[in-house]
Amino acid sequence: MGDRNGKPKSYYDCTDCPAFCCSVYDRVQVTPRDIRRLAKHFGVTEEVATARFTKIYAKERVLRRKHDALFGQACQFINPETRGCGIYHARPAVCREFPITKRCAYYDLLQFEREQQDDPNTLPVVKITFRNGK
């Protein structure tokens, strides 16, 4: 079942989420195309955008992170008040694609805990760890 435009119905609302996806992942991969998009967005060269907004993490170019009051660290572009993306139209491809399903596990967890606690302001703490160390 889809909406009027034929897109599959999604069962999440990113505007009601504290940006789990922007906070719990240590790395958000960026491609050369993403860097060009960031450079254009900020009116800087690709070299400046690369140096200012990215770093190398385990042989992979990723967005830099910053301190975050809710999760300890988050994407440098997250707005701490609104929890929205500060570069929404220039965000990397991986962000544009997430989630790839019609459900978001983080949103489902958020809604479940808010219902269980009977508190619309409940915020479950989420931390991703990998068994293989990556």
N, C-alpha and C. Protein backbone atom coordinates (compact mmCIF):
# COMPACT_ATOMS: atom_id res chain seq x y z
N MET A 1 0.85 -1.18 0.00
CA MET A 1 0.00 0.00 0.00
C MET A 1 0.88 1.23 0.00
N GLY A 2 0.54 2.24 -0.77
CA GLY A 2 1.36 3.43 -0.88
C GLY A 2 0.55 4.69 -0.71
N ASP A 3 1.24 5.81 -0.81
CA ASP A 3 0.56 7.09 -0.75
C ASP A 3 0.07 7.47 -2.14
N ARG A 4 -0.39 8.70 -2.30
CA ARG A 4 -0.92 9.14 -3.59
C ARG A 4 0.13 9.13 -4.70
N ASN A 5 1.40 9.25 -4.34
CA ASN A 5 2.47 9.27 -5.33
C ASN A 5 3.02 7.89 -5.61
N GLY A 6 2.42 6.85 -5.01
CA GLY A 6 2.87 5.49 -5.23
C GLY A 6 4.04 5.07 -4.35
N LYS A 7 4.47 5.96 -3.44
CA LYS A 7 5.56 5.61 -2.53
C LYS A 7 5.03 4.68 -1.44
N PRO A 8 5.84 3.70 -1.02
CA PRO A 8 5.40 2.82 0.07
C PRO A 8 5.13 3.63 1.33
N LYS A 9 4.10 3.26 2.05
CA LYS A 9 3.77 3.94 3.30
C LYS A 9 4.87 3.70 4.31
N SER A 10 5.28 4.74 5.03
CA SER A 10 6.26 4.57 6.09
C SER A 10 5.55 4.63 7.44
N TYR A 11 6.11 3.92 8.40
CA TYR A 11 5.52 3.83 9.73
C TYR A 11 6.40 4.53 10.75
N TYR A 12 6.95 5.67 10.39
CA TYR A 12 7.76 6.45 11.30
C TYR A 12 7.63 7.92 10.94
N ASP A 13 7.98 8.77 11.90
CA ASP A 13 7.93 10.21 11.69
C ASP A 13 9.22 10.78 12.25
N CYS A 14 10.16 11.10 11.38
CA CYS A 14 11.47 11.59 11.81
C CYS A 14 11.36 12.86 12.65
N THR A 15 10.33 13.66 12.43
CA THR A 15 10.20 14.90 13.19
C THR A 15 9.81 14.65 14.64
N ASP A 16 9.40 13.42 14.96
CA ASP A 16 9.03 13.06 16.33
C ASP A 16 10.15 12.28 17.03
N CYS A 17 11.30 12.19 16.40
CA CYS A 17 12.41 11.39 16.91
C CYS A 17 13.56 12.30 17.34
N PRO A 18 14.30 11.94 18.38
CA PRO A 18 15.44 12.77 18.81
C PRO A 18 16.70 12.55 17.97
N ALA A 19 16.56 12.03 16.77
CA ALA A 19 17.67 11.81 15.85
C ALA A 19 18.59 10.69 16.30
N PHE A 20 18.00 9.55 16.62
CA PHE A 20 18.80 8.39 16.98
C PHE A 20 19.82 8.07 15.88
N CYS A 21 19.36 8.04 14.63
CA CYS A 21 20.25 7.64 13.53
C CYS A 21 21.42 8.60 13.37
N CYS A 22 21.27 9.85 13.77
CA CYS A 22 22.34 10.84 13.65
C CYS A 22 23.26 10.82 14.88
N SER A 23 22.88 10.04 15.87
CA SER A 23 23.59 10.06 17.13
C SER A 23 24.29 8.75 17.48
N VAL A 24 23.66 7.63 17.22
CA VAL A 24 24.20 6.36 17.71
C VAL A 24 25.26 5.73 16.82
N TYR A 25 25.37 6.20 15.59
CA TYR A 25 26.38 5.65 14.69
C TYR A 25 27.65 6.48 14.77
N ASP A 26 28.79 5.83 15.00
CA ASP A 26 30.07 6.54 15.09
C ASP A 26 30.52 7.07 13.74
N ARG A 27 30.01 6.48 12.68
CA ARG A 27 30.48 6.91 11.37
C ARG A 27 29.33 7.04 10.39
N VAL A 28 29.36 8.14 9.66
CA VAL A 28 28.43 8.38 8.57
C VAL A 28 29.32 8.57 7.34
N GLN A 29 29.36 7.57 6.51
CA GLN A 29 30.25 7.57 5.35
C GLN A 29 29.86 8.67 4.37
N VAL A 30 30.88 9.33 3.83
CA VAL A 30 30.64 10.33 2.79
C VAL A 30 31.42 9.96 1.53
N THR A 31 30.82 10.20 0.40
CA THR A 31 31.41 9.92 -0.89
C THR A 31 31.94 11.22 -1.50
N PRO A 32 32.71 11.14 -2.57
CA PRO A 32 33.12 12.37 -3.26
C PRO A 32 31.92 13.23 -3.68
N ARG A 33 30.85 12.60 -4.10
CA ARG A 33 29.65 13.36 -4.48
C ARG A 33 29.06 14.09 -3.27
N ASP A 34 29.07 13.43 -2.10
CA ASP A 34 28.58 14.06 -0.87
C ASP A 34 29.42 15.29 -0.53
N ILE A 35 30.73 15.17 -0.71
CA ILE A 35 31.63 16.28 -0.41
C ILE A 35 31.35 17.44 -1.37
N ARG A 36 31.13 17.15 -2.63
CA ARG A 36 30.78 18.21 -3.59
C ARG A 36 29.48 18.90 -3.18
N ARG A 37 28.50 18.11 -2.71
CA ARG A 37 27.23 18.68 -2.28
C ARG A 37 27.44 19.58 -1.06
N LEU A 38 28.25 19.14 -0.10
CA LEU A 38 28.54 19.95 1.08
C LEU A 38 29.27 21.24 0.70
N ALA A 39 30.25 21.11 -0.19
CA ALA A 39 31.01 22.29 -0.63
C ALA A 39 30.09 23.32 -1.26
N LYS A 40 29.21 22.87 -2.12
CA LYS A 40 28.27 23.78 -2.78
C LYS A 40 27.34 24.42 -1.75
N HIS A 41 26.84 23.62 -0.83
CA HIS A 41 25.92 24.10 0.21
C HIS A 41 26.54 25.22 1.04
N PHE A 42 27.82 25.05 1.40
CA PHE A 42 28.50 26.03 2.24
C PHE A 42 29.29 27.08 1.45
N GLY A 43 29.32 26.94 0.13
CA GLY A 43 30.04 27.90 -0.69
C GLY A 43 31.54 27.86 -0.48
N VAL A 44 32.09 26.66 -0.31
CA VAL A 44 33.53 26.49 -0.12
C VAL A 44 34.04 25.48 -1.15
N THR A 45 35.35 25.35 -1.22
CA THR A 45 35.93 24.36 -2.13
C THR A 45 35.74 22.96 -1.56
N GLU A 46 35.91 21.97 -2.41
CA GLU A 46 35.82 20.58 -1.96
C GLU A 46 36.91 20.28 -0.94
N GLU A 47 38.08 20.87 -1.11
CA GLU A 47 39.18 20.66 -0.17
C GLU A 47 38.83 21.21 1.21
N VAL A 48 38.23 22.40 1.24
CA VAL A 48 37.81 23.01 2.52
C VAL A 48 36.71 22.16 3.15
N ALA A 49 35.74 21.74 2.36
CA ALA A 49 34.64 20.92 2.88
C ALA A 49 35.18 19.61 3.46
N THR A 50 36.12 19.00 2.76
CA THR A 50 36.71 17.75 3.23
C THR A 50 37.39 17.95 4.57
N ALA A 51 38.21 18.99 4.68
CA ALA A 51 38.94 19.26 5.92
C ALA A 51 38.03 19.68 7.06
N ARG A 52 37.05 20.49 6.76
CA ARG A 52 36.20 21.06 7.80
C ARG A 52 35.12 20.10 8.30
N PHE A 53 34.57 19.29 7.42
CA PHE A 53 33.40 18.51 7.78
C PHE A 53 33.61 17.00 7.87
N THR A 54 34.77 16.51 7.44
CA THR A 54 35.00 15.06 7.43
C THR A 54 36.31 14.69 8.10
N LYS A 55 36.47 13.41 8.32
CA LYS A 55 37.71 12.86 8.85
C LYS A 55 37.82 11.42 8.37
N ILE A 56 38.97 10.82 8.58
CA ILE A 56 39.15 9.41 8.24
C ILE A 56 38.90 8.59 9.50
N TYR A 57 38.09 7.56 9.35
CA TYR A 57 37.76 6.65 10.44
C TYR A 57 37.92 5.24 9.89
N ALA A 58 38.92 4.52 10.35
CA ALA A 58 39.17 3.16 9.89
C ALA A 58 39.19 3.07 8.36
N LYS A 59 40.00 3.91 7.72
CA LYS A 59 40.18 3.94 6.27
C LYS A 59 38.94 4.37 5.49
N GLU A 60 38.03 5.02 6.17
CA GLU A 60 36.78 5.44 5.54
C GLU A 60 36.57 6.93 5.81
N ARG A 61 36.15 7.70 4.83
CA ARG A 61 35.87 9.12 5.02
C ARG A 61 34.47 9.24 5.60
N VAL A 62 34.37 9.92 6.75
CA VAL A 62 33.11 10.05 7.47
C VAL A 62 32.90 11.50 7.90
N LEU A 63 31.65 11.83 8.26
CA LEU A 63 31.35 13.15 8.81
C LEU A 63 31.94 13.26 10.21
N ARG A 64 32.37 14.45 10.55
CA ARG A 64 32.84 14.71 11.91
C ARG A 64 31.64 14.71 12.85
N ARG A 65 31.92 14.48 14.12
CA ARG A 65 30.88 14.48 15.15
C ARG A 65 31.18 15.59 16.16
N LYS A 66 30.22 15.85 17.02
CA LYS A 66 30.39 16.87 18.06
C LYS A 66 29.73 16.37 19.34
N HIS A 67 30.00 17.08 20.43
CA HIS A 67 29.37 16.75 21.71
C HIS A 67 27.86 16.92 21.59
N ASP A 68 27.13 16.02 22.22
CA ASP A 68 25.67 16.07 22.19
C ASP A 68 25.14 15.80 23.58
N ALA A 69 24.29 16.68 24.08
CA ALA A 69 23.77 16.55 25.45
C ALA A 69 22.94 15.29 25.66
N LEU A 70 22.23 14.82 24.64
CA LEU A 70 21.39 13.63 24.80
C LEU A 70 22.16 12.32 24.69
N PHE A 71 23.08 12.24 23.72
CA PHE A 71 23.72 10.96 23.42
C PHE A 71 25.24 10.96 23.59
N GLY A 72 25.81 12.06 24.04
CA GLY A 72 27.25 12.13 24.21
C GLY A 72 27.95 12.65 22.96
N GLN A 73 27.65 12.05 21.80
CA GLN A 73 28.18 12.46 20.51
C GLN A 73 27.06 12.38 19.48
N ALA A 74 27.16 13.22 18.46
CA ALA A 74 26.19 13.19 17.37
C ALA A 74 26.83 13.82 16.14
N CYS A 75 26.17 13.69 15.03
CA CYS A 75 26.62 14.33 13.80
C CYS A 75 26.78 15.83 14.06
N GLN A 76 27.83 16.41 13.50
CA GLN A 76 28.08 17.83 13.72
C GLN A 76 26.96 18.73 13.18
N PHE A 77 26.12 18.21 12.32
CA PHE A 77 25.08 19.03 11.71
C PHE A 77 23.73 18.91 12.40
N ILE A 78 23.63 18.15 13.48
CA ILE A 78 22.35 18.02 14.18
C ILE A 78 22.09 19.31 14.95
N ASN A 79 20.88 19.81 14.88
CA ASN A 79 20.49 20.98 15.65
C ASN A 79 20.12 20.49 17.05
N PRO A 80 20.82 20.93 18.09
CA PRO A 80 20.56 20.39 19.43
C PRO A 80 19.20 20.75 19.99
N GLU A 81 18.59 21.82 19.52
CA GLU A 81 17.26 22.20 20.02
C GLU A 81 16.15 21.45 19.29
N THR A 82 16.19 21.47 17.96
CA THR A 82 15.11 20.86 17.19
C THR A 82 15.36 19.39 16.91
N ARG A 83 16.61 18.94 17.03
CA ARG A 83 17.04 17.57 16.70
C ARG A 83 16.89 17.31 15.20
N GLY A 84 16.78 18.36 14.41
CA GLY A 84 16.68 18.23 12.96
C GLY A 84 18.04 18.36 12.31
N CYS A 85 18.10 17.99 11.05
CA CYS A 85 19.33 18.04 10.28
C CYS A 85 19.59 19.47 9.79
N GLY A 86 20.76 19.99 10.09
CA GLY A 86 21.12 21.33 9.69
C GLY A 86 21.54 21.44 8.23
N ILE A 87 21.71 20.30 7.57
CA ILE A 87 22.10 20.30 6.15
C ILE A 87 21.18 19.37 5.36
N TYR A 88 19.91 19.36 5.71
CA TYR A 88 18.98 18.39 5.14
C TYR A 88 19.09 18.26 3.63
N HIS A 89 19.13 19.35 2.90
CA HIS A 89 19.18 19.28 1.44
C HIS A 89 20.57 18.94 0.91
N ALA A 90 21.58 19.00 1.78
CA ALA A 90 22.95 18.67 1.38
C ALA A 90 23.46 17.42 2.10
N ARG A 91 22.57 16.70 2.76
CA ARG A 91 23.01 15.55 3.56
C ARG A 91 23.58 14.45 2.67
N PRO A 92 24.46 13.61 3.27
CA PRO A 92 25.08 12.52 2.50
C PRO A 92 24.06 11.48 2.01
N ALA A 93 24.48 10.74 1.01
CA ALA A 93 23.61 9.71 0.41
C ALA A 93 23.14 8.70 1.45
N VAL A 94 24.01 8.29 2.35
CA VAL A 94 23.62 7.29 3.34
C VAL A 94 22.48 7.81 4.22
N CYS A 95 22.49 9.10 4.51
CA CYS A 95 21.41 9.70 5.29
C CYS A 95 20.12 9.78 4.48
N ARG A 96 20.26 10.06 3.20
CA ARG A 96 19.09 10.15 2.31
C ARG A 96 18.39 8.80 2.19
N GLU A 97 19.15 7.73 2.27
CA GLU A 97 18.60 6.38 2.09
C GLU A 97 18.05 5.78 3.37
N PHE A 98 18.42 6.31 4.54
CA PHE A 98 18.03 5.70 5.81
C PHE A 98 16.64 6.14 6.22
N PRO A 99 15.82 5.27 6.76
CA PRO A 99 15.98 3.82 6.72
C PRO A 99 15.54 3.28 5.37
N ILE A 100 16.06 2.15 5.01
CA ILE A 100 15.75 1.59 3.69
C ILE A 100 14.46 0.78 3.71
N THR A 101 13.86 0.67 4.87
CA THR A 101 12.60 -0.07 5.00
C THR A 101 11.48 0.90 5.36
N LYS A 102 10.26 0.41 5.34
CA LYS A 102 9.14 1.29 5.67
C LYS A 102 8.97 1.47 7.17
N ARG A 103 9.77 0.76 7.95
CA ARG A 103 9.77 0.92 9.40
C ARG A 103 11.15 1.37 9.84
N CYS A 104 11.22 2.06 10.96
CA CYS A 104 12.48 2.46 11.57
C CYS A 104 12.51 1.86 12.97
N ALA A 105 13.48 1.03 13.24
CA ALA A 105 13.57 0.34 14.54
C ALA A 105 13.69 1.35 15.69
N TYR A 106 14.41 2.45 15.46
CA TYR A 106 14.56 3.45 16.52
C TYR A 106 13.22 4.12 16.83
N TYR A 107 12.47 4.42 15.79
CA TYR A 107 11.16 5.05 15.99
C TYR A 107 10.21 4.06 16.68
N ASP A 108 10.25 2.81 16.26
CA ASP A 108 9.41 1.79 16.91
C ASP A 108 9.75 1.68 18.39
N LEU A 109 11.04 1.67 18.74
CA LEU A 109 11.47 1.60 20.14
C LEU A 109 10.98 2.83 20.90
N LEU A 110 11.14 3.99 20.31
CA LEU A 110 10.70 5.23 20.94
C LEU A 110 9.21 5.19 21.25
N GLN A 111 8.41 4.82 20.26
CA GLN A 111 6.96 4.75 20.46
C GLN A 111 6.58 3.69 21.49
N PHE A 112 7.24 2.54 21.44
CA PHE A 112 6.97 1.45 22.39
C PHE A 112 7.24 1.92 23.82
N GLU A 113 8.40 2.53 24.05
CA GLU A 113 8.75 2.97 25.41
C GLU A 113 7.84 4.09 25.89
N ARG A 114 7.48 4.98 25.01
CA ARG A 114 6.58 6.06 25.42
C ARG A 114 5.21 5.51 25.82
N GLU A 115 4.77 4.49 25.09
CA GLU A 115 3.50 3.86 25.44
C GLU A 115 3.62 3.07 26.75
N GLN A 116 4.69 2.30 26.90
CA GLN A 116 4.89 1.50 28.11
C GLN A 116 5.01 2.36 29.36
N GLN A 117 5.69 3.50 29.23
CA GLN A 117 5.90 4.39 30.37
C GLN A 117 4.75 5.37 30.55
N ASP A 118 3.81 5.38 29.59
CA ASP A 118 2.69 6.32 29.60
C ASP A 118 3.22 7.75 29.76
N ASP A 119 4.29 8.05 28.99
CA ASP A 119 4.95 9.35 29.07
C ASP A 119 5.45 9.72 27.67
N PRO A 120 4.84 10.74 27.06
CA PRO A 120 5.24 11.12 25.70
C PRO A 120 6.65 11.71 25.61
N ASN A 121 7.28 11.96 26.76
CA ASN A 121 8.63 12.53 26.76
C ASN A 121 9.72 11.51 27.09
N THR A 122 9.34 10.25 27.29
CA THR A 122 10.33 9.22 27.57
C THR A 122 11.33 9.14 26.42
N LEU A 123 12.60 9.01 26.77
CA LEU A 123 13.65 8.90 25.77
C LEU A 123 14.54 7.71 26.12
N PRO A 124 14.35 6.58 25.43
CA PRO A 124 15.21 5.43 25.72
C PRO A 124 16.64 5.70 25.27
N VAL A 125 17.59 5.19 26.05
CA VAL A 125 19.00 5.34 25.69
C VAL A 125 19.37 4.19 24.76
N VAL A 126 20.00 4.54 23.65
CA VAL A 126 20.38 3.54 22.66
C VAL A 126 21.87 3.68 22.39
N LYS A 127 22.57 2.55 22.41
CA LYS A 127 24.00 2.53 22.07
C LYS A 127 24.24 1.32 21.18
N ILE A 128 24.93 1.55 20.10
CA ILE A 128 25.26 0.46 19.15
C ILE A 128 26.64 -0.08 19.51
N THR A 129 26.72 -1.39 19.68
CA THR A 129 28.03 -2.03 19.83
C THR A 129 28.05 -3.21 18.88
N PHE A 130 29.23 -3.50 18.38
CA PHE A 130 29.37 -4.59 17.44
C PHE A 130 30.26 -5.67 18.04
N ARG A 131 29.88 -6.90 17.89
CA ARG A 131 30.65 -8.01 18.45
C ARG A 131 32.03 -8.15 17.82
N ASN A 132 32.17 -7.79 16.56
CA ASN A 132 33.45 -7.94 15.89
C ASN A 132 34.34 -6.72 16.06
N GLY A 133 33.89 -5.75 16.86
CA GLY A 133 34.72 -4.58 17.13
C GLY A 133 34.66 -3.49 16.09
N LYS A 134 33.87 -3.65 15.03
CA LYS A 134 33.77 -2.64 13.98
C LYS A 134 32.52 -1.81 14.14
